[in-house]
Amino acid sequence: MTNTTSRLRPLGAGDVVTFDFPYPDGGSKTRACLVLHEDPGTGELIVVYGTSHLGLHGHPEHALVLRERCLLAQAGLHRPTRFRLDRRIRVRPDDPRFRVSERCGTARLGRLPAWLRLQLPERHARLPRHSPFAERAGIHPVIGRRPPLSHRRAPFRMRRSQAGSMTSKAHLRTKAASGRQT
């Protein structure tokens, strides 16, 4: 059975929704997300990434973590969830990436309590600014990832050679490669 009350009320700031959130390198995953902001000028919504991985990397001030049972129940969540406010996307309210939950019959899972919804405008204002065009493409700050191989220094590891002297792995690889060339 569908929840007609939720279907009639448009999505707004503080709603927890199911959304097919895109990855920066392509692909996407349907997950619980939070509507952080409604843009009155364009009518668009800013939807932020939600995850059950609670490890705080980067800027903890850009995270909203729900752990308490009463908050989880009101938000329609089954497990503690961290919303990364700095990882966001700007979409229209009728975007097809909003997914209807079988449990609720709508994309809306639940809603934050009023005291948390009142904090959202201030939290949104503190986020790093990006153009609406960039937000429509998706903001995916890189936090907690390793730099590309070209920017990493090779680890210096020593290995005993058969003669008993210390040599690096790189030296042994070079030596082995030069032996193959001759």
Protein backbone atom coordinates (compact mmCIF):
# COMPACT_ATOMS: atom_id res chain seq x y z
CA MET A 1 0.00 0.00 0.00
CA THR A 2 1.33 3.46 -0.88
CA ASN A 3 1.71 6.28 1.56
CA THR A 4 -0.46 8.96 -0.06
CA THR A 5 0.32 11.62 2.57
CA SER A 6 4.03 11.46 1.74
CA ARG A 7 3.30 11.42 -1.96
CA LEU A 8 1.17 14.61 -1.79
CA ARG A 9 3.73 16.64 0.18
CA PRO A 10 6.69 17.60 -2.00
CA LEU A 11 10.18 16.68 -0.87
CA GLY A 12 11.89 19.28 1.26
CA ALA A 13 14.91 20.00 3.43
CA GLY A 14 15.24 17.43 6.20
CA ASP A 15 13.61 14.57 4.28
CA VAL A 16 15.50 11.27 4.19
CA VAL A 17 15.01 9.71 0.76
CA THR A 18 16.13 6.77 -1.35
CA PHE A 19 18.24 8.12 -4.19
CA ASP A 20 20.47 6.57 -6.85
CA PHE A 21 23.59 8.55 -5.87
CA PRO A 22 26.27 8.74 -8.60
CA TYR A 23 29.92 7.83 -8.10
CA PRO A 24 32.54 10.28 -9.43
CA ASP A 25 33.96 7.70 -11.86
CA GLY A 26 30.57 6.59 -13.20
CA GLY A 27 27.97 4.18 -11.91
CA SER A 28 25.71 4.74 -8.93
CA LYS A 29 24.17 3.09 -5.91
CA THR A 30 20.70 3.47 -4.42
CA ARG A 31 21.10 4.59 -0.83
CA ALA A 32 19.48 6.61 1.91
CA CYS A 33 20.27 10.27 1.30
CA LEU A 34 19.25 13.54 2.92
CA VAL A 35 17.65 16.55 1.26
CA LEU A 36 19.88 19.31 2.65
CA HIS A 37 18.48 22.38 0.93
CA GLU A 38 15.71 23.61 -1.34
CA ASP A 39 16.74 26.35 -3.77
CA PRO A 40 13.77 28.74 -3.92
CA GLY A 41 15.09 30.36 -7.12
CA THR A 42 15.27 27.20 -9.21
CA GLY A 43 13.09 24.80 -7.22
CA GLU A 44 15.97 22.33 -7.15
CA LEU A 45 16.98 20.17 -4.19
CA ILE A 46 20.46 19.53 -2.86
CA VAL A 47 20.72 15.85 -1.94
CA VAL A 48 23.65 14.65 0.20
CA TYR A 49 25.31 11.25 0.38
CA GLY A 50 24.37 8.86 3.16
CA THR A 51 26.36 5.86 4.34
CA SER A 52 26.33 3.38 7.20
CA HIS A 53 30.13 3.65 7.33
CA LEU A 54 30.53 5.98 10.31
CA GLY A 55 34.28 6.61 10.12
CA LEU A 56 34.78 10.35 10.02
CA HIS A 57 37.36 11.33 7.42
CA GLY A 58 38.13 14.89 6.47
CA HIS A 59 35.89 17.55 7.96
CA PRO A 60 33.62 16.34 10.79
CA GLU A 61 31.74 19.64 10.60
CA HIS A 62 30.53 18.51 7.16
CA ALA A 63 28.92 15.36 8.55
CA LEU A 64 25.59 14.69 10.22
CA VAL A 65 25.55 11.38 12.08
CA LEU A 66 22.35 9.74 13.31
CA ARG A 67 22.91 7.06 15.97
CA GLU A 68 20.06 7.28 18.47
CA ARG A 69 17.16 4.86 17.96
CA CYS A 70 14.49 7.57 18.14
CA LEU A 71 16.26 9.64 15.44
CA LEU A 72 16.76 6.60 13.23
CA ALA A 73 13.10 5.63 13.56
CA GLN A 74 11.90 9.14 12.71
CA ALA A 75 14.26 9.28 9.71
CA GLY A 76 13.09 5.83 8.52
CA LEU A 77 16.53 4.28 8.90
CA HIS A 78 17.44 0.84 10.27
CA ARG A 79 21.08 1.46 11.17
CA PRO A 80 23.28 4.38 12.22
CA THR A 81 23.94 6.61 9.24
CA ARG A 82 26.39 9.39 8.42
CA PHE A 83 25.34 12.02 5.89
CA ARG A 84 28.31 13.68 4.18
CA LEU A 85 27.06 17.20 3.57
CA ASP A 86 30.07 18.06 1.40
CA ARG A 87 29.28 15.20 -1.01
CA ARG A 88 26.17 16.39 -2.77
CA ILE A 89 24.22 16.74 -5.98
CA ARG A 90 21.65 19.30 -7.15
CA VAL A 91 18.53 17.77 -8.74
CA ARG A 92 14.95 18.58 -9.68
CA PRO A 93 12.27 17.21 -7.31
CA ASP A 94 10.98 14.95 -10.11
CA ASP A 95 14.43 13.49 -10.90
CA PRO A 96 14.10 9.81 -11.89
CA ARG A 97 17.00 8.88 -9.59
CA PHE A 98 14.66 9.18 -6.60
CA ARG A 99 13.67 5.56 -5.97
CA VAL A 100 10.38 4.41 -4.49
CA SER A 101 10.99 2.35 -1.39
CA GLU A 102 8.93 -0.85 -1.20
CA ARG A 103 8.65 -0.34 2.53
CA CYS A 104 7.17 3.18 2.27
CA GLY A 105 5.71 3.32 -1.22
CA THR A 106 7.50 6.64 -1.87
CA ALA A 107 11.05 7.90 -2.15
CA ARG A 108 10.69 9.51 1.30
CA LEU A 109 11.82 7.17 4.09
CA GLY A 110 11.30 9.65 6.91
CA ARG A 111 12.23 13.09 8.15
CA LEU A 112 14.69 14.64 10.57
CA PRO A 113 13.19 16.07 13.76
CA ALA A 114 12.50 19.82 13.75
CA TRP A 115 15.50 20.71 15.93
CA LEU A 116 17.86 19.07 13.39
CA ARG A 117 16.05 20.55 10.37
CA LEU A 118 16.62 24.02 11.87
CA GLN A 119 20.39 23.40 11.75
CA LEU A 120 20.44 22.56 8.03
CA PRO A 121 20.52 26.12 6.60
CA GLU A 122 23.54 27.03 8.75
CA ARG A 123 25.32 23.78 7.87
CA HIS A 124 24.61 24.35 4.17
CA ALA A 125 25.99 27.90 4.40
CA ARG A 126 29.29 26.61 5.87
CA LEU A 127 29.98 24.21 2.98
CA PRO A 128 32.60 25.07 0.35
CA ARG A 129 30.87 27.02 -2.44
CA HIS A 130 30.44 25.55 -5.89
CA SER A 131 28.44 26.75 -8.86
CA PRO A 132 24.96 25.30 -9.43
CA PHE A 133 26.34 23.77 -12.65
CA ALA A 134 29.06 21.92 -10.69
CA GLU A 135 26.51 20.80 -8.07
CA ARG A 136 24.27 19.39 -10.83
CA ALA A 137 27.23 17.28 -11.98
CA GLY A 138 27.84 16.20 -8.38
CA ILE A 139 30.37 17.32 -5.77
CA HIS A 140 32.61 14.42 -4.70
CA PRO A 141 35.43 15.66 -2.47
CA VAL A 142 38.33 13.25 -2.31
CA ILE A 143 38.86 12.33 1.33
CA GLY A 144 40.71 9.35 2.70
CA ARG A 145 41.81 8.07 -0.69
CA ARG A 146 45.33 7.31 -1.73
CA PRO A 147 46.86 9.63 -4.32
CA PRO A 148 47.43 8.26 -7.84
CA LEU A 149 50.51 6.06 -8.28
CA SER A 150 52.34 8.85 -10.09
CA HIS A 151 52.21 10.97 -6.91
CA ARG A 152 53.26 8.29 -4.44
CA ARG A 153 56.81 7.61 -3.39
CA ALA A 154 57.86 4.02 -3.66
CA PRO A 155 58.40 2.47 -0.24
CA PHE A 156 62.03 1.88 0.64
CA ARG A 157 62.30 -1.75 1.64
CA MET A 158 65.47 -3.67 2.13
CA ARG A 159 65.97 -7.33 1.45
CA ARG A 160 68.96 -9.52 2.17
CA SER A 161 70.61 -10.82 -0.95
CA GLN A 162 72.09 -14.28 -1.05
CA ALA A 163 75.51 -12.84 -0.29
CA GLY A 164 74.14 -11.37 2.98
CA SER A 165 74.32 -7.67 2.03
CA MET A 166 71.25 -5.41 2.21
CA THR A 167 69.70 -4.35 -1.11
CA SER A 168 66.42 -2.68 -2.06
CA LYS A 169 63.63 -4.48 -3.90
CA ALA A 170 63.89 -1.92 -6.70
CA HIS A 171 67.59 -2.72 -7.10
CA LEU A 172 66.81 -6.46 -7.24
CA ARG A 173 64.09 -5.89 -9.86
CA THR A 174 66.45 -3.78 -11.98
CA LYS A 175 69.13 -6.42 -11.65
CA ALA A 176 66.69 -9.16 -12.64
CA ALA A 177 65.44 -7.14 -15.64
CA SER A 178 68.98 -6.42 -16.86
CA GLY A 179 69.79 -10.13 -16.57
CA ARG A 180 66.88 -10.94 -18.88
CA GLN A 181 68.05 -8.44 -21.51
CA THR A 182 71.50 -10.02 -21.95
